Amino acid sequence: MIQTITHKGLRLFFKKGNGSRLPGEYLTKIGLILDALDAMTSE
């Protein structure tokens, strides 16, 4: 589970889906990675 994101571009993309501050060719992969990290649980 993602608790904090310090990078402004990643935070904007994660919360609002706005990828304007990230490289366009990587947005799909970044989205998949963020979804996987958010789905994780801590024990």
Protein backbone atom coordinates (compact mmCIF):
# COMPACT_ATOMS: atom_id res chain seq x y z
CA MET A 1 0.00 0.00 0.00
CA ILE A 2 1.31 3.41 -0.88
CA GLN A 3 1.47 5.76 2.09
CA THR A 4 3.35 8.75 0.66
CA ILE A 5 4.74 9.81 -2.69
CA THR A 6 7.37 12.54 -2.57
CA HIS A 7 7.77 13.05 -6.33
CA LYS A 8 5.23 15.69 -7.40
CA GLY A 9 4.71 14.21 -10.85
CA LEU A 10 4.11 10.69 -9.53
CA ARG A 11 1.77 11.99 -6.83
CA LEU A 12 -0.26 13.94 -9.39
CA PHE A 13 -0.46 10.91 -11.69
CA PHE A 14 -1.46 8.58 -8.84
CA LYS A 15 -4.12 10.83 -7.33
CA LYS A 16 -5.59 12.55 -10.41
CA GLY A 17 -4.37 10.55 -13.41
CA ASN A 18 -2.50 13.56 -14.80
CA GLY A 19 0.76 12.33 -16.32
CA SER A 20 1.89 15.65 -17.79
CA ARG A 21 4.99 15.77 -15.55
CA LEU A 22 6.13 12.24 -16.43
CA PRO A 23 7.58 10.80 -19.65
CA GLY A 24 4.67 9.80 -21.89
CA GLU A 25 6.22 6.59 -23.15
CA TYR A 26 6.34 5.20 -19.59
CA LEU A 27 2.89 6.17 -18.29
CA THR A 28 1.36 2.74 -18.86
CA LYS A 29 4.20 0.96 -17.06
CA ILE A 30 4.24 3.53 -14.24
CA GLY A 31 0.49 3.09 -13.80
CA LEU A 32 0.83 -0.70 -13.56
CA ILE A 33 3.63 -0.41 -11.00
CA LEU A 34 1.71 2.10 -8.88
CA ASP A 35 -1.40 -0.11 -8.97
CA ALA A 36 0.64 -3.13 -7.87
CA LEU A 37 2.28 -1.20 -5.04
CA ASP A 38 -1.05 0.20 -3.90
CA ALA A 39 -2.59 -3.28 -3.85
CA MET A 40 0.10 -4.63 -1.53
CA THR A 41 -0.67 -4.98 2.15
CA SER A 42 1.72 -4.64 5.05
CA GLU A 43 1.73 -7.24 7.77
